[in-house]
Amino acid sequence: MRRAILVTALLLLGLATPAAADPLVMPHVVVAHHTAWAELAIKKAGGTVVASYPQIGVVVAYTAKDDFAAKLRRTPGIDAVGATRTAKVPRAFFAPRKDLRYTGPGSPNSGQVPPEGTAWDVPALHLPEAHQVTDGSKNTLVGVLDVGVDDTHPELKPAFDRKNSVSCLSGWPDRGPGAWRPTLDGHGTHVAGTIAAARNGTGVVGVAPGVGIAAVKLAELDDTETAESMVCGFVWAAEHGFAVASNSYRSIPWRYNCDDQPDQAAAKLAVGRAVAYAQRRNVLVVASAGNAGIDLDSRSVDKESPADSTPVERRIDPSCTRLPHELPGVVGTGALDEKLVKASFSNYSASRISVAAPGARVWSTWPNGEYRSASGTSMAAPHASGVAALIASEHPHWSAERIKRALYATATPLPCPDAVCAATKDGTTYYGHGMVDAARAVGAG
């Protein structure tokens, strides 16, 4: 099913033809001590270099040759090589894009948007009190790493930073005008509105309506982000002054990346290096914790991978990693419903849930000037990102680590509502340190 969706997306974008006239290739990430050496080895093995990131020792490449990875793995100086899909894509997928326009479905309920400031997440996070102190600073830049953002939406125009927006869809930073826009999915526009929709008396209001937002497009459809797009996105965030990077997705082809599988291990290593680089450059990385409603500490089966072709049930263990959520230092965010208890779909864990935030029936922006209610930990992560952005705005010289500590310290602890939830050293398995609180975060509560 996912393969059919991807092919349909490529057809709509003009990057594939029914006759498959364009050669099909397999994208890879190559991790090496020296990228210049890796580039030479890639070409010798029959590959084409797409992008090189010497800052972290990662090269993105593609090839039509099936023995490409095996050859490179035998090359001295190459640490890891991994295909980032199980189904090949047209070579034209790596071409530049510009002036994209949204052609996906409209919002089914855009005419029902509540008056500004009345959606349930606003009082839950004490936004009116926080906004009496600050709306956030334009000098605080929040990256929306997602499926693109519709910067033409009236609620997002005031906050949108085109100069620092990009498409990383194919693993390289495509700075073409409008390349960052969504085409098939409004998910990223919804996330952006939760963070920074304008406080202008209409529609919805963001957690930090005064901050800047930049779009980093990683995929065409939600939950189809790949290792190469994430590598590009986190390096971009590191080098363009992002204070916060908000991530509401899970990667393909493998929903969980296991160290004993060479392709998955390479993806984990490459993305891990990119995330660590962003963190060293003082980017606070926030991510959704997932919607399977499971205890991440005891998972044993993956029935959804590979997500780009035909899923096959396989055994896994908790060491297999959800990217980027479970990488070190990432703020994993669980979802709450209107009763301020864990949403039924939200994953939980003793160590992988940092905070909780509203994630059920959240109103926000949708492409083409519309609005939509949506549910998921995808909706929780931007609430946490928005609160972190308010802290960063109030304390522009704080490190990302100090901002994270403040986010945790000002969260409101929540009690366990049932016998499944358990106490941890930092809080609980459902909520981590607790529900993020905008007012407490800026000293208003």
Protein backbone atom coordinates (compact mmCIF):
# COMPACT_ATOMS: atom_id res chain seq x y z
CA MET A 1 0.00 0.00 0.00
CA ARG A 2 2.76 2.46 0.96
CA ARG A 3 4.60 1.68 -2.29
CA ALA A 4 1.44 2.47 -4.28
CA ILE A 5 1.06 5.77 -2.43
CA LEU A 6 4.69 6.71 -3.12
CA VAL A 7 4.38 5.92 -6.84
CA THR A 8 1.16 7.95 -7.00
CA ALA A 9 2.92 10.87 -5.35
CA LEU A 10 5.80 10.71 -7.83
CA LEU A 11 3.38 10.58 -10.74
CA LEU A 12 1.55 13.66 -9.49
CA LEU A 13 4.87 15.48 -9.17
CA GLY A 14 5.91 14.51 -12.69
CA LEU A 15 8.84 12.49 -11.36
CA ALA A 16 7.69 9.14 -12.70
CA THR A 17 5.80 7.85 -15.69
CA PRO A 18 3.51 4.86 -15.99
CA ALA A 19 6.01 3.35 -18.40
CA ALA A 20 8.83 3.88 -15.86
CA ALA A 21 11.00 5.49 -18.55
CA ASP A 22 13.24 7.07 -15.92
CA PRO A 23 15.83 4.64 -14.52
CA LEU A 24 15.05 3.31 -11.05
CA VAL A 25 17.72 3.69 -8.40
CA MET A 26 18.25 2.85 -4.74
CA PRO A 27 19.25 5.66 -2.35
CA HIS A 28 21.92 4.97 0.28
CA VAL A 29 23.65 6.63 3.18
CA VAL A 30 27.40 6.04 3.48
CA VAL A 31 29.18 6.75 6.77
CA ALA A 32 32.95 7.18 6.59
CA HIS A 33 36.00 8.67 8.29
CA HIS A 34 36.57 11.00 5.34
CA THR A 35 33.78 11.94 2.95
CA ALA A 36 36.16 12.79 0.09
CA TRP A 37 37.45 9.21 0.18
CA ALA A 38 33.88 7.90 0.44
CA GLU A 39 32.85 9.88 -2.63
CA LEU A 40 35.62 8.28 -4.68
CA ALA A 41 34.64 4.84 -3.44
CA ILE A 42 30.98 5.48 -4.26
CA LYS A 43 31.79 6.42 -7.84
CA LYS A 44 34.08 3.41 -8.23
CA ALA A 45 31.29 1.12 -7.01
CA GLY A 46 28.87 2.52 -9.59
CA GLY A 47 27.08 5.10 -7.48
CA THR A 48 26.25 8.79 -7.87
CA VAL A 49 26.91 11.26 -5.04
CA VAL A 50 23.82 13.30 -4.15
CA ALA A 51 25.16 15.23 -1.16
CA SER A 52 28.17 15.13 1.11
CA TYR A 53 28.20 16.18 4.75
CA PRO A 54 31.84 16.24 5.91
CA GLN A 55 30.69 17.84 9.19
CA ILE A 56 29.33 14.46 10.27
CA GLY A 57 31.03 12.02 7.90
CA VAL A 58 27.95 11.09 5.88
CA VAL A 59 27.44 10.91 2.11
CA VAL A 60 24.08 10.45 0.37
CA ALA A 61 24.27 8.48 -2.87
CA TYR A 62 22.14 6.46 -5.26
CA THR A 63 22.81 3.60 -7.62
CA ALA A 64 21.08 1.18 -9.93
CA LYS A 65 23.55 -1.59 -9.01
CA ASP A 66 22.34 -4.25 -6.61
CA ASP A 67 25.84 -5.07 -5.31
CA PHE A 68 26.68 -1.45 -4.48
CA ALA A 69 26.41 -1.70 -0.68
CA ALA A 70 28.29 -5.00 -0.51
CA LYS A 71 31.21 -3.54 -2.47
CA LEU A 72 31.42 -0.43 -0.32
CA ARG A 73 31.28 -2.38 2.93
CA ARG A 74 34.52 -4.10 1.89
CA THR A 75 36.25 -0.75 1.35
CA PRO A 76 38.69 0.41 4.05
CA GLY A 77 37.62 3.65 5.72
CA ILE A 78 33.91 3.04 5.19
CA ASP A 79 32.12 2.66 8.54
CA ALA A 80 28.62 1.77 7.35
CA VAL A 81 26.50 1.62 4.20
CA GLY A 82 22.76 1.30 4.07
CA ALA A 83 19.99 1.39 1.51
CA THR A 84 17.35 3.82 2.75
CA ARG A 85 14.46 2.08 1.00
CA THR A 86 13.47 -1.42 -0.05
CA ALA A 87 11.81 -0.26 -3.29
CA LYS A 88 13.75 1.71 -5.89
CA VAL A 89 12.65 5.20 -6.95
CA PRO A 90 12.99 7.12 -10.23
CA ARG A 91 16.32 8.90 -10.62
CA ALA A 92 14.37 12.12 -11.23
CA PHE A 93 13.33 12.00 -7.58
CA PHE A 94 16.64 13.72 -6.85
CA ALA A 95 15.96 16.65 -9.20
CA PRO A 96 15.37 20.22 -7.93
CA ARG A 97 11.86 21.49 -7.24
CA LYS A 98 10.38 24.95 -7.00
CA ASP A 99 7.08 26.82 -6.72
CA LEU A 100 5.25 23.79 -5.40
CA ARG A 101 1.50 24.04 -4.82
CA TYR A 102 -0.71 22.00 -2.52
CA THR A 103 -2.98 19.61 -4.44
CA GLY A 104 -3.95 17.33 -1.56
CA PRO A 105 -7.33 17.01 0.12
CA GLY A 106 -8.97 20.01 1.72
CA SER A 107 -9.88 20.09 5.37
CA PRO A 108 -13.10 18.18 6.07
CA ASN A 109 -14.00 20.52 8.93
CA SER A 110 -12.34 23.86 8.24
CA GLY A 111 -15.62 25.76 8.60
CA GLN A 112 -15.94 24.55 12.19
CA VAL A 113 -12.83 26.19 13.64
CA PRO A 114 -13.55 27.55 17.13
CA PRO A 115 -13.02 31.24 17.90
CA GLU A 116 -9.40 32.10 18.58
CA GLY A 117 -8.33 31.22 22.10
CA THR A 118 -11.18 28.81 22.85
CA ALA A 119 -9.67 25.52 21.65
CA TRP A 120 -9.01 23.30 24.65
CA ASP A 121 -5.22 23.34 24.38
CA VAL A 122 -5.13 27.11 24.97
CA PRO A 123 -6.31 27.08 28.61
CA ALA A 124 -4.65 23.70 29.26
CA LEU A 125 -1.20 25.20 28.60
CA HIS A 126 -2.14 28.58 30.14
CA LEU A 127 -1.36 30.40 26.92
CA PRO A 128 -3.25 33.62 27.75
CA GLU A 129 -1.13 34.07 30.89
CA ALA A 130 2.07 33.26 29.01
CA HIS A 131 1.24 35.70 26.21
CA GLN A 132 0.88 38.49 28.74
CA VAL A 133 4.62 38.01 29.30
CA THR A 134 5.73 37.20 25.74
CA ASP A 135 4.53 35.93 22.38
CA GLY A 136 8.08 34.88 21.65
CA SER A 137 10.84 36.62 19.75
CA LYS A 138 11.30 36.75 15.98
CA ASN A 139 14.97 36.07 16.70
CA THR A 140 13.98 32.60 17.95
CA LEU A 141 13.72 30.30 14.94
CA VAL A 142 11.79 27.03 15.12
CA GLY A 143 12.24 24.48 12.38
CA VAL A 144 9.28 22.37 11.27
CA LEU A 145 10.89 19.19 9.95
CA ASP A 146 7.92 17.58 8.22
CA VAL A 147 6.13 17.33 4.85
CA GLY A 148 6.43 21.05 4.12
CA VAL A 149 4.61 24.18 5.27
CA ASP A 150 2.17 26.36 3.34
CA ASP A 151 3.77 29.75 3.95
CA THR A 152 0.88 31.45 2.12
CA HIS A 153 -1.56 30.68 4.95
CA PRO A 154 -2.63 34.03 6.49
CA GLU A 155 -1.95 32.72 10.00
CA LEU A 156 1.61 31.65 9.13
CA LYS A 157 2.81 34.48 6.88
CA PRO A 158 3.92 36.76 9.75
CA ALA A 159 6.13 34.08 11.27
CA PHE A 160 7.47 32.37 8.16
CA ASP A 161 11.18 32.63 7.34
CA ARG A 162 11.73 31.85 3.65
CA LYS A 163 15.45 32.48 3.76
CA ASN A 164 15.97 29.61 6.16
CA SER A 165 13.44 27.22 4.64
CA VAL A 166 14.47 24.35 2.38
CA SER A 167 13.51 21.01 0.88
CA CYS A 168 15.61 18.07 2.06
CA LEU A 169 13.30 15.59 0.36
CA SER A 170 16.08 13.91 -1.63
CA GLY A 171 18.88 14.24 0.89
CA TRP A 172 20.32 17.50 -0.40
CA PRO A 173 19.31 21.10 0.50
CA ASP A 174 17.09 22.29 -2.35
CA ARG A 175 16.72 26.06 -1.90
CA GLY A 176 14.44 26.57 -4.89
CA PRO A 177 11.66 29.12 -4.24
CA GLY A 178 8.72 27.30 -2.70
CA ALA A 179 10.50 23.93 -2.67
CA TRP A 180 9.61 23.71 1.04
CA ARG A 181 5.85 23.72 0.38
CA PRO A 182 3.59 20.68 0.79
CA THR A 183 1.95 19.07 -2.23
CA LEU A 184 -0.08 16.13 -0.92
CA ASP A 185 -0.30 16.39 2.87
CA GLY A 186 -1.15 19.26 5.22
CA HIS A 187 0.48 17.65 8.26
CA GLY A 188 3.43 20.07 8.42
CA THR A 189 1.16 23.10 8.05
CA HIS A 190 -0.88 21.83 11.01
CA VAL A 191 2.29 21.44 13.08
CA ALA A 192 3.47 24.93 12.13
CA GLY A 193 0.18 26.50 13.21
CA THR A 194 0.36 24.88 16.63
CA ILE A 195 3.78 26.42 17.12
CA ALA A 196 3.30 29.91 15.73
CA ALA A 197 -0.14 30.73 14.27
CA ALA A 198 -0.66 34.48 14.60
CA ARG A 199 -2.44 36.00 17.58
CA ASN A 200 -4.66 38.19 15.41
CA GLY A 201 -8.21 37.56 16.64
CA THR A 202 -9.14 34.99 13.99
CA GLY A 203 -8.67 31.27 13.51
CA VAL A 204 -6.29 29.58 15.95
CA VAL A 205 -3.40 30.89 18.03
CA GLY A 206 0.00 29.27 18.28
CA VAL A 207 1.88 28.55 21.48
CA ALA A 208 4.56 31.06 20.46
CA PRO A 209 2.96 33.35 17.86
CA GLY A 210 5.85 35.80 17.89
CA VAL A 211 8.66 33.40 16.95
CA GLY A 212 9.97 32.66 13.47
CA ILE A 213 9.29 29.35 11.75
CA ALA A 214 11.22 27.70 8.95
CA ALA A 215 10.05 24.74 6.89
CA VAL A 216 12.40 21.83 6.31
CA LYS A 217 10.58 19.48 3.96
CA LEU A 218 11.57 15.85 4.53
CA ALA A 219 8.79 13.95 2.72
CA GLU A 220 5.69 14.25 0.57
CA LEU A 221 3.48 12.25 2.94
CA ASP A 222 3.47 11.95 6.71
CA ASP A 223 5.56 9.07 8.08
CA THR A 224 7.55 8.59 4.87
CA GLU A 225 10.69 10.45 5.98
CA THR A 226 13.95 8.69 5.08
CA ALA A 227 17.43 8.66 6.58
CA GLU A 228 18.89 10.90 3.87
CA SER A 229 16.17 13.54 4.30
CA MET A 230 16.69 13.57 8.07
CA VAL A 231 20.47 13.87 7.71
CA CYS A 232 20.02 16.86 5.43
CA GLY A 233 17.37 18.38 7.69
CA PHE A 234 19.31 18.19 10.94
CA VAL A 235 22.50 19.52 9.36
CA TRP A 236 20.44 22.38 7.92
CA ALA A 237 18.96 23.08 11.35
CA ALA A 238 22.43 23.05 12.92
CA GLU A 239 23.84 25.54 10.45
CA HIS A 240 20.93 27.97 10.15
CA GLY A 241 20.45 29.07 13.72
CA PHE A 242 17.43 27.00 14.71
CA ALA A 243 16.68 27.16 18.43
CA VAL A 244 14.22 24.25 18.24
CA ALA A 245 13.63 21.53 15.66
CA SER A 246 10.12 20.04 15.85
CA ASN A 247 9.76 16.48 14.47
CA SER A 248 6.37 14.78 14.15
CA TYR A 249 6.96 11.64 12.11
CA ARG A 250 8.57 8.20 11.97
CA SER A 251 10.97 6.99 9.35
CA ILE A 252 10.74 4.55 6.46
CA PRO A 253 11.39 1.91 5.39
CA TRP A 254 11.99 0.54 8.89
CA ARG A 255 9.76 1.78 11.68
CA TYR A 256 12.40 0.47 14.11
CA ASN A 257 16.08 0.38 13.13
CA CYS A 258 18.00 -2.58 14.56
CA ASP A 259 21.78 -2.71 14.96
CA ASP A 260 22.09 -6.30 13.69
CA GLN A 261 20.72 -5.31 10.26
CA PRO A 262 23.35 -3.48 8.12
CA ASP A 263 20.97 -1.14 6.29
CA GLN A 264 19.14 -0.19 9.47
CA ALA A 265 22.34 0.22 11.46
CA ALA A 266 23.73 2.59 8.81
CA ALA A 267 20.54 4.68 8.86
CA LYS A 268 20.63 4.88 12.64
CA LEU A 269 24.31 5.86 12.64
CA ALA A 270 23.89 8.52 9.94
CA VAL A 271 20.80 10.13 11.47
CA GLY A 272 22.32 9.84 14.94
CA ARG A 273 25.38 11.78 13.81
CA ALA A 274 23.17 14.48 12.26
CA VAL A 275 21.02 14.85 15.37
CA ALA A 276 24.10 14.97 17.63
CA TYR A 277 25.61 17.65 15.38
CA ALA A 278 22.45 19.75 15.66
CA GLN A 279 22.47 19.34 19.42
CA ARG A 280 26.11 20.41 19.61
CA ARG A 281 25.10 23.53 17.67
CA ASN A 282 22.46 24.29 20.34
CA VAL A 283 19.36 23.01 18.55
CA LEU A 284 16.80 21.52 20.92
CA VAL A 285 15.38 18.47 19.11
CA VAL A 286 11.75 17.63 19.97
CA ALA A 287 9.96 14.58 18.56
CA SER A 288 6.62 12.79 18.71
CA ALA A 289 6.62 9.55 20.71
CA GLY A 290 4.33 7.54 18.42
CA ASN A 291 0.73 6.44 18.20
CA ALA A 292 0.76 2.68 18.71
CA GLY A 293 -0.42 2.89 22.33
CA ILE A 294 2.36 0.53 23.45
CA ASP A 295 4.99 0.31 26.15
CA LEU A 296 8.14 1.12 24.20
CA ASP A 297 10.24 -0.64 26.83
CA SER A 298 8.73 -4.06 26.10
CA ARG A 299 7.99 -4.02 22.38
CA SER A 300 8.75 -7.28 20.62
CA VAL A 301 7.03 -7.27 17.22
CA ASP A 302 7.10 -4.94 14.21
CA LYS A 303 4.25 -5.53 11.76
CA GLU A 304 4.65 -2.31 9.76
CA SER A 305 8.05 -2.66 8.10
CA PRO A 306 9.23 -2.24 5.45
CA ALA A 307 6.78 0.60 5.07
CA ASP A 308 7.72 1.43 1.48
CA SER A 309 6.94 -2.02 0.06
CA THR A 310 5.25 -5.07 1.65
CA PRO A 311 5.38 -5.18 5.46
CA VAL A 312 6.45 -8.47 7.01
CA GLU A 313 6.03 -9.30 10.70
CA ARG A 314 9.41 -9.50 12.44
CA ARG A 315 10.75 -9.84 15.95
CA ILE A 316 12.40 -6.78 17.48
CA ASP A 317 13.47 -5.64 20.93
CA PRO A 318 13.62 -2.26 22.71
CA SER A 319 17.16 -1.65 21.39
CA CYS A 320 15.70 -1.20 17.90
CA THR A 321 15.35 2.55 17.47
CA ARG A 322 12.47 4.79 16.36
CA LEU A 323 14.07 7.62 14.41
CA PRO A 324 14.49 10.35 15.45
CA HIS A 325 12.51 10.09 18.69
CA GLU A 326 14.68 7.57 20.53
CA LEU A 327 18.08 9.08 19.81
CA PRO A 328 20.02 10.46 22.80
CA GLY A 329 18.94 13.86 24.08
CA VAL A 330 15.73 14.10 22.05
CA VAL A 331 12.65 15.42 23.86
CA GLY A 332 10.13 12.60 23.35
CA THR A 333 6.57 13.92 23.64
CA GLY A 334 3.47 11.95 24.58
CA ALA A 335 -0.10 13.03 23.89
CA LEU A 336 -2.90 14.10 26.26
CA ASP A 337 -6.63 14.26 25.62
CA GLU A 338 -9.07 16.91 26.88
CA LYS A 339 -9.26 15.25 30.30
CA LEU A 340 -5.50 15.76 30.67
CA VAL A 341 -4.81 12.04 30.74
CA LYS A 342 -2.77 10.00 28.27
CA ALA A 343 -4.49 9.71 24.90
CA SER A 344 -5.32 6.08 24.19
CA PHE A 345 -3.03 6.00 21.15
CA SER A 346 0.02 7.56 22.83
CA ASN A 347 3.07 5.36 23.43
CA TYR A 348 4.59 5.27 26.90
CA SER A 349 7.93 4.40 28.48
CA ALA A 350 10.03 4.72 31.59
CA SER A 351 12.82 6.48 29.69
CA ARG A 352 11.58 7.49 26.24
CA ILE A 353 8.81 9.93 27.23
CA SER A 354 10.20 13.29 28.36
CA VAL A 355 7.03 15.40 28.59
CA ALA A 356 3.37 15.33 27.57
CA ALA A 357 1.22 17.86 25.72
CA PRO A 358 -2.21 18.19 24.10
CA GLY A 359 -2.51 15.76 21.20
CA ALA A 360 -6.19 14.88 20.74
CA ARG A 361 -8.59 16.85 18.57
CA VAL A 362 -6.19 19.77 18.23
CA TRP A 363 -7.24 22.61 15.95
CA SER A 364 -4.62 24.20 13.72
CA THR A 365 -3.86 25.51 10.26
CA TRP A 366 -4.24 23.53 7.03
CA PRO A 367 -3.05 24.45 3.50
CA ASN A 368 -4.94 26.94 1.33
CA GLY A 369 -6.04 29.08 4.27
CA GLU A 370 -8.00 26.31 5.95
CA TYR A 371 -8.10 24.78 9.43
CA ARG A 372 -8.43 21.25 10.74
CA SER A 373 -8.75 19.23 13.91
CA ALA A 374 -6.24 16.37 14.16
CA SER A 375 -5.04 13.87 16.76
CA GLY A 376 -1.70 12.19 17.41
CA THR A 377 1.58 12.63 19.19
CA SER A 378 2.35 14.63 16.03
CA MET A 379 0.12 17.31 17.56
CA ALA A 380 1.77 17.02 20.99
CA ALA A 381 5.36 17.59 19.84
CA PRO A 382 4.74 21.09 18.39
CA HIS A 383 3.10 22.16 21.66
CA ALA A 384 6.30 21.18 23.46
CA SER A 385 8.35 22.88 20.75
CA GLY A 386 6.32 26.07 21.14
CA VAL A 387 6.84 26.19 24.90
CA ALA A 388 10.57 25.57 24.41
CA ALA A 389 10.59 28.46 21.91
CA LEU A 390 9.03 30.77 24.49
CA ILE A 391 11.80 29.82 26.94
CA ALA A 392 14.44 30.41 24.26
CA SER A 393 12.90 33.80 23.49
CA GLU A 394 13.06 34.86 27.13
CA HIS A 395 16.62 33.55 27.50
CA PRO A 396 18.35 34.02 24.13
CA HIS A 397 21.79 33.14 25.50
CA TRP A 398 20.79 29.85 27.08
CA SER A 399 22.09 26.62 25.62
CA ALA A 400 19.71 24.04 24.22
CA GLU A 401 20.48 21.82 27.19
CA ARG A 402 19.53 24.55 29.64
CA ILE A 403 16.31 25.26 27.73
CA LYS A 404 15.48 21.55 27.92
CA ARG A 405 16.08 21.50 31.67
CA ALA A 406 13.76 24.49 32.06
CA LEU A 407 11.10 22.80 29.91
CA TYR A 408 11.23 19.79 32.22
CA ALA A 409 11.40 21.80 35.45
CA THR A 410 8.34 23.90 34.60
CA ALA A 411 6.19 20.99 33.40
CA THR A 412 3.20 20.17 35.61
CA PRO A 413 3.47 16.67 37.10
CA LEU A 414 0.44 14.49 36.42
CA PRO A 415 -0.63 11.51 38.52
CA CYS A 416 -0.97 8.03 37.08
CA PRO A 417 -4.61 7.43 36.09
CA ASP A 418 -4.48 3.63 36.02
CA ALA A 419 -2.49 0.58 37.08
CA VAL A 420 -0.57 0.38 33.78
CA CYS A 421 1.09 3.74 34.37
CA ALA A 422 4.06 3.61 36.73
CA ALA A 423 6.26 6.04 38.60
CA THR A 424 9.80 6.69 37.35
CA LYS A 425 12.75 8.67 38.69
CA ASP A 426 11.67 11.64 36.54
CA GLY A 427 7.89 11.33 36.79
CA THR A 428 5.75 8.63 35.21
CA THR A 429 5.79 6.30 32.23
CA TYR A 430 2.80 8.12 30.71
CA TYR A 431 3.88 11.73 31.08
CA GLY A 432 7.60 11.89 31.79
CA HIS A 433 8.26 15.09 33.75
CA GLY A 434 4.64 16.16 33.18
CA MET A 435 2.52 18.39 30.95
CA VAL A 436 4.38 21.35 29.46
CA ASP A 437 3.13 24.68 30.84
CA ALA A 438 3.67 27.88 28.86
CA ALA A 439 2.90 30.22 31.74
CA ARG A 440 5.25 28.53 34.20
CA ALA A 441 7.91 28.33 31.51
CA VAL A 442 8.04 32.13 31.17
CA GLY A 443 7.48 32.88 34.85
CA ALA A 444 3.83 33.91 34.56
CA GLY A 445 2.37 31.17 36.73
